[in-house]
Structures are given as C-alpha cells and as structure tokens.
C-alpha cells in the first residue's frame, strides 16, 4: 500500500473526512513518528508494532568482490518490531 492509497482508503471509509483532511492526518502522523525517532524516542503503535532507532558502531568491512578491507562508518537504522497480535493474525491468515 502506498501513502496515496492509504489517504484514499481513509477518506473513503470515513464519510466526514475529505481527501484533503485525510492527507493532513496521514502527514501529521508520519511527521510526528519521524520527529520522535529523531529525538531518540521509541514509537509504539498498539496492535501494529514498535519503531525505534538502533545504532550500529563503526567497523572494518570487506569488499566481497576484491577482498579489500573497507572502513564502514557508524550508522543509525530504523528498527520495526511487529506486535504479537498482528503477527499471530497474519500467521493465521497466511496459513489458512
């Protein structure tokens, strides 16, 4: 599902919301999640999952093509952990 599909489905499912209102709502939610992650906070959305930022220290890597060692800098990555309820529901649906 793309962002525009999410906006369209939200506007279609709630008659009192226009597409513009749905766009503002989705944008605000994504902006707040982004801001929280930038502050280093954890974002928990019940029945969906948890977003957090994990730090990966600098290390020495290897170029697989040449075998040459390469310095890899420190990185921060977004980590998502699916909620138990959603995971169980998906497993039931996918194995049925």
N, C-alpha and C. Protein backbone atom coordinates (compact mmCIF):
# COMPACT_ATOMS: atom_id res chain seq x y z
N UNK A 1 0.85 -1.17 0.00
CA UNK A 1 0.00 0.00 0.00
C UNK A 1 0.89 1.24 0.00
N UNK A 2 0.58 2.16 -0.85
CA UNK A 2 1.32 3.41 -0.90
C UNK A 2 0.64 4.45 -0.02
N UNK A 3 1.34 5.56 0.19
CA UNK A 3 0.79 6.65 1.00
C UNK A 3 -0.50 7.17 0.39
N UNK A 4 -0.53 7.36 -0.93
CA UNK A 4 -1.74 7.88 -1.58
C UNK A 4 -2.90 6.90 -1.46
N UNK A 5 -2.62 5.61 -1.49
CA UNK A 5 -3.69 4.61 -1.30
C UNK A 5 -4.22 4.68 0.12
N UNK A 6 -3.33 4.88 1.08
CA UNK A 6 -3.75 5.00 2.47
C UNK A 6 -4.67 6.21 2.65
N UNK A 7 -4.29 7.33 2.06
CA UNK A 7 -5.10 8.54 2.14
C UNK A 7 -6.46 8.30 1.49
N UNK A 8 -6.48 7.69 0.32
CA UNK A 8 -7.73 7.43 -0.38
C UNK A 8 -8.64 6.50 0.42
N UNK A 9 -8.07 5.42 0.97
CA UNK A 9 -8.88 4.47 1.76
C UNK A 9 -9.43 5.11 3.03
N UNK A 10 -8.61 5.93 3.65
CA UNK A 10 -9.06 6.62 4.86
C UNK A 10 -10.21 7.57 4.54
N UNK A 11 -10.07 8.34 3.48
CA UNK A 11 -11.13 9.28 3.08
C UNK A 11 -12.39 8.53 2.65
N UNK A 12 -12.24 7.40 1.96
CA UNK A 12 -13.40 6.63 1.51
C UNK A 12 -14.13 5.95 2.67
N UNK A 13 -13.38 5.53 3.69
CA UNK A 13 -14.00 4.80 4.80
C UNK A 13 -14.67 5.71 5.82
N UNK A 14 -14.26 6.96 5.88
CA UNK A 14 -14.84 7.91 6.82
C UNK A 14 -15.49 9.04 6.03
N UNK A 15 -16.78 9.00 5.92
CA UNK A 15 -17.52 9.95 5.07
C UNK A 15 -17.34 11.41 5.48
N UNK A 16 -17.07 11.66 6.75
CA UNK A 16 -16.92 13.04 7.21
C UNK A 16 -15.54 13.62 6.87
N UNK A 17 -14.61 12.78 6.38
CA UNK A 17 -13.26 13.25 6.01
C UNK A 17 -13.16 13.46 4.50
N UNK A 18 -12.65 14.60 4.13
CA UNK A 18 -12.34 14.83 2.71
C UNK A 18 -10.96 14.24 2.45
N UNK A 19 -10.60 14.15 1.19
CA UNK A 19 -9.25 13.64 0.86
C UNK A 19 -8.19 14.58 1.42
N UNK A 20 -8.46 15.87 1.39
CA UNK A 20 -7.51 16.84 1.93
C UNK A 20 -7.32 16.61 3.43
N UNK A 21 -8.43 16.40 4.17
CA UNK A 21 -8.34 16.12 5.61
C UNK A 21 -7.56 14.84 5.88
N UNK A 22 -7.81 13.83 5.08
CA UNK A 22 -7.10 12.56 5.23
C UNK A 22 -5.61 12.74 4.96
N UNK A 23 -5.27 13.53 3.95
CA UNK A 23 -3.87 13.81 3.63
C UNK A 23 -3.18 14.53 4.79
N UNK A 24 -3.84 15.51 5.37
CA UNK A 24 -3.29 16.24 6.51
C UNK A 24 -3.10 15.29 7.70
N UNK A 25 -4.06 14.43 7.93
CA UNK A 25 -4.00 13.48 9.03
C UNK A 25 -2.82 12.53 8.87
N UNK A 26 -2.69 11.93 7.69
CA UNK A 26 -1.60 10.98 7.43
C UNK A 26 -0.25 11.69 7.52
N UNK A 27 -0.14 12.87 6.95
CA UNK A 27 1.11 13.64 7.00
C UNK A 27 1.49 13.97 8.44
N UNK A 28 0.53 14.39 9.23
CA UNK A 28 0.79 14.73 10.63
C UNK A 28 1.28 13.52 11.41
N UNK A 29 0.64 12.39 11.21
CA UNK A 29 1.05 11.16 11.92
C UNK A 29 2.47 10.78 11.53
N UNK A 30 2.77 10.76 10.25
CA UNK A 30 4.12 10.39 9.81
C UNK A 30 5.16 11.40 10.30
N UNK A 31 4.82 12.68 10.29
CA UNK A 31 5.75 13.70 10.77
C UNK A 31 6.04 13.52 12.27
N UNK A 32 5.03 13.20 13.04
CA UNK A 32 5.21 13.00 14.48
C UNK A 32 6.03 11.75 14.77
N UNK A 33 5.82 10.69 14.02
CA UNK A 33 6.64 9.48 14.18
C UNK A 33 8.09 9.79 13.85
N UNK A 34 8.31 10.51 12.76
CA UNK A 34 9.67 10.89 12.34
C UNK A 34 10.34 11.75 13.41
N UNK A 35 9.62 12.75 13.93
CA UNK A 35 10.18 13.64 14.94
C UNK A 35 10.56 12.87 16.21
N UNK A 36 9.72 11.94 16.62
CA UNK A 36 10.00 11.14 17.81
C UNK A 36 11.25 10.28 17.60
N UNK A 37 11.38 9.68 16.43
CA UNK A 37 12.56 8.86 16.15
C UNK A 37 13.82 9.71 16.10
N UNK A 38 13.73 10.91 15.55
CA UNK A 38 14.88 11.82 15.51
C UNK A 38 15.31 12.24 16.92
N UNK A 39 14.36 12.33 17.84
CA UNK A 39 14.68 12.66 19.24
C UNK A 39 15.27 11.46 19.98
N UNK A 40 15.19 10.29 19.36
CA UNK A 40 15.68 9.07 20.01
C UNK A 40 14.61 8.34 20.79
N UNK A 41 13.37 8.78 20.66
CA UNK A 41 12.26 8.13 21.35
C UNK A 41 11.84 6.86 20.62
N UNK A 42 11.15 6.01 21.35
CA UNK A 42 10.58 4.80 20.79
C UNK A 42 9.11 5.10 20.49
N UNK A 43 8.59 4.62 19.36
CA UNK A 43 7.20 4.86 18.98
C UNK A 43 6.46 3.52 19.00
N UNK A 44 5.46 3.43 19.86
CA UNK A 44 4.70 2.20 19.99
C UNK A 44 3.27 2.44 19.50
N UNK A 45 2.87 1.69 18.50
CA UNK A 45 1.51 1.76 17.99
C UNK A 45 0.84 0.43 18.33
N UNK A 46 -0.04 0.46 19.29
CA UNK A 46 -0.69 -0.75 19.78
C UNK A 46 -1.31 -1.55 18.63
N UNK A 47 -1.16 -2.84 18.70
CA UNK A 47 -1.67 -3.81 17.72
C UNK A 47 -1.00 -3.70 16.36
N UNK A 48 0.00 -2.81 16.20
CA UNK A 48 0.75 -2.72 14.95
C UNK A 48 2.21 -3.08 15.19
N UNK A 49 2.87 -2.35 16.07
CA UNK A 49 4.27 -2.63 16.36
C UNK A 49 4.98 -1.45 16.97
N UNK A 50 6.31 -1.58 17.07
CA UNK A 50 7.14 -0.58 17.70
C UNK A 50 8.27 -0.17 16.76
N UNK A 51 8.47 1.13 16.62
CA UNK A 51 9.57 1.68 15.85
C UNK A 51 10.62 2.20 16.83
N UNK A 52 11.89 1.96 16.53
CA UNK A 52 12.98 2.52 17.33
C UNK A 52 14.18 2.71 16.42
N UNK A 53 15.16 3.46 16.92
CA UNK A 53 16.39 3.68 16.17
C UNK A 53 17.49 2.90 16.85
N UNK A 54 18.22 2.13 16.07
CA UNK A 54 19.34 1.35 16.60
C UNK A 54 20.64 1.87 16.01
N UNK A 55 21.64 1.98 16.88
CA UNK A 55 22.94 2.46 16.47
C UNK A 55 23.83 1.27 16.12
N UNK A 56 24.49 1.35 14.98
CA UNK A 56 25.45 0.33 14.56
C UNK A 56 26.83 1.01 14.56
N UNK A 57 27.74 0.51 15.38
CA UNK A 57 29.06 1.10 15.52
C UNK A 57 29.88 0.98 14.24
N UNK A 58 30.88 1.85 14.15
CA UNK A 58 31.81 1.78 13.02
C UNK A 58 32.56 0.45 13.09
N UNK A 59 32.94 -0.06 11.92
CA UNK A 59 33.63 -1.34 11.88
C UNK A 59 34.48 -1.42 10.62
N UNK A 60 35.26 -2.46 10.56
CA UNK A 60 36.05 -2.73 9.36
C UNK A 60 35.30 -3.82 8.58
N UNK A 61 34.93 -3.50 7.34
CA UNK A 61 34.23 -4.44 6.49
C UNK A 61 35.14 -4.95 5.39
N UNK A 62 34.58 -5.76 4.51
CA UNK A 62 35.36 -6.31 3.41
C UNK A 62 34.56 -6.19 2.13
N UNK A 63 35.23 -5.73 1.08
CA UNK A 63 34.61 -5.67 -0.24
C UNK A 63 34.53 -7.10 -0.76
N UNK A 64 33.33 -7.64 -0.98
CA UNK A 64 33.22 -9.05 -1.40
C UNK A 64 33.80 -9.32 -2.79
N UNK A 65 33.86 -8.31 -3.63
CA UNK A 65 34.38 -8.52 -4.99
C UNK A 65 35.91 -8.60 -5.01
N UNK A 66 36.54 -7.69 -4.24
CA UNK A 66 38.01 -7.61 -4.30
C UNK A 66 38.69 -8.19 -3.06
N UNK A 67 37.94 -8.35 -1.97
CA UNK A 67 38.54 -8.84 -0.73
C UNK A 67 39.23 -7.74 0.07
N UNK A 68 39.25 -6.53 -0.45
CA UNK A 68 39.90 -5.39 0.18
C UNK A 68 39.12 -4.98 1.44
N UNK A 69 39.84 -4.60 2.50
CA UNK A 69 39.17 -4.13 3.71
C UNK A 69 38.73 -2.68 3.52
N UNK A 70 37.57 -2.37 4.11
CA UNK A 70 36.97 -1.05 3.95
C UNK A 70 36.47 -0.60 5.31
N UNK A 71 36.69 0.68 5.63
CA UNK A 71 36.17 1.24 6.87
C UNK A 71 34.69 1.60 6.66
N UNK A 72 33.84 1.06 7.52
CA UNK A 72 32.40 1.34 7.45
C UNK A 72 32.07 2.22 8.65
N UNK A 73 31.50 3.38 8.39
CA UNK A 73 31.19 4.35 9.45
C UNK A 73 30.01 3.93 10.32
N UNK A 74 29.85 4.66 11.41
CA UNK A 74 28.72 4.46 12.32
C UNK A 74 27.42 4.75 11.58
N UNK A 75 26.39 3.95 11.86
CA UNK A 75 25.08 4.14 11.21
C UNK A 75 23.97 4.06 12.24
N UNK A 76 22.89 4.73 11.92
CA UNK A 76 21.67 4.63 12.71
C UNK A 76 20.59 4.11 11.78
N UNK A 77 19.90 3.06 12.21
CA UNK A 77 18.86 2.46 11.37
C UNK A 77 17.55 2.37 12.14
N UNK A 78 16.47 2.49 11.40
CA UNK A 78 15.15 2.34 12.00
C UNK A 78 14.84 0.85 12.09
N UNK A 79 14.38 0.44 13.25
CA UNK A 79 14.03 -0.94 13.51
C UNK A 79 12.54 -1.02 13.81
N UNK A 80 11.86 -1.98 13.21
CA UNK A 80 10.43 -2.17 13.46
C UNK A 80 10.21 -3.57 14.00
N UNK A 81 9.52 -3.64 15.10
CA UNK A 81 9.16 -4.94 15.67
C UNK A 81 7.64 -5.06 15.64
N UNK A 82 7.17 -6.08 14.94
CA UNK A 82 5.74 -6.29 14.77
C UNK A 82 5.09 -6.69 16.11
N UNK A 83 3.88 -6.21 16.34
CA UNK A 83 3.15 -6.55 17.56
C UNK A 83 2.73 -8.01 17.52
N UNK A 84 2.66 -8.62 18.68
CA UNK A 84 2.32 -10.04 18.79
C UNK A 84 0.94 -10.33 18.16
N UNK A 85 -0.03 -9.46 18.44
CA UNK A 85 -1.39 -9.65 17.89
C UNK A 85 -1.38 -9.65 16.37
N UNK A 86 -0.69 -8.70 15.77
CA UNK A 86 -0.63 -8.61 14.31
C UNK A 86 0.10 -9.81 13.74
N UNK A 87 1.19 -10.20 14.37
CA UNK A 87 1.96 -11.35 13.90
C UNK A 87 1.09 -12.61 13.90
N UNK A 88 0.38 -12.85 14.99
CA UNK A 88 -0.47 -14.04 15.08
C UNK A 88 -1.59 -13.99 14.05
N UNK A 89 -2.18 -12.82 13.86
CA UNK A 89 -3.27 -12.68 12.88
C UNK A 89 -2.76 -12.96 11.47
N UNK A 90 -1.60 -12.41 11.13
CA UNK A 90 -1.02 -12.66 9.80
C UNK A 90 -0.71 -14.13 9.61
N UNK A 91 -0.17 -14.78 10.64
CA UNK A 91 0.16 -16.19 10.52
C UNK A 91 -1.09 -17.04 10.29
N UNK A 92 -2.17 -16.71 11.00
CA UNK A 92 -3.44 -17.45 10.81
C UNK A 92 -3.96 -17.27 9.38
N UNK A 93 -3.93 -16.01 8.89
CA UNK A 93 -4.45 -15.71 7.56
C UNK A 93 -3.60 -16.33 6.46
N UNK A 94 -2.29 -16.29 6.62
CA UNK A 94 -1.39 -16.78 5.58
C UNK A 94 -1.30 -18.30 5.52
N UNK A 95 -1.59 -18.97 6.63
CA UNK A 95 -1.51 -20.44 6.64
C UNK A 95 -2.87 -21.08 6.39
N UNK A 96 -3.92 -20.30 6.37
CA UNK A 96 -5.27 -20.85 6.16
C UNK A 96 -5.53 -21.17 4.69
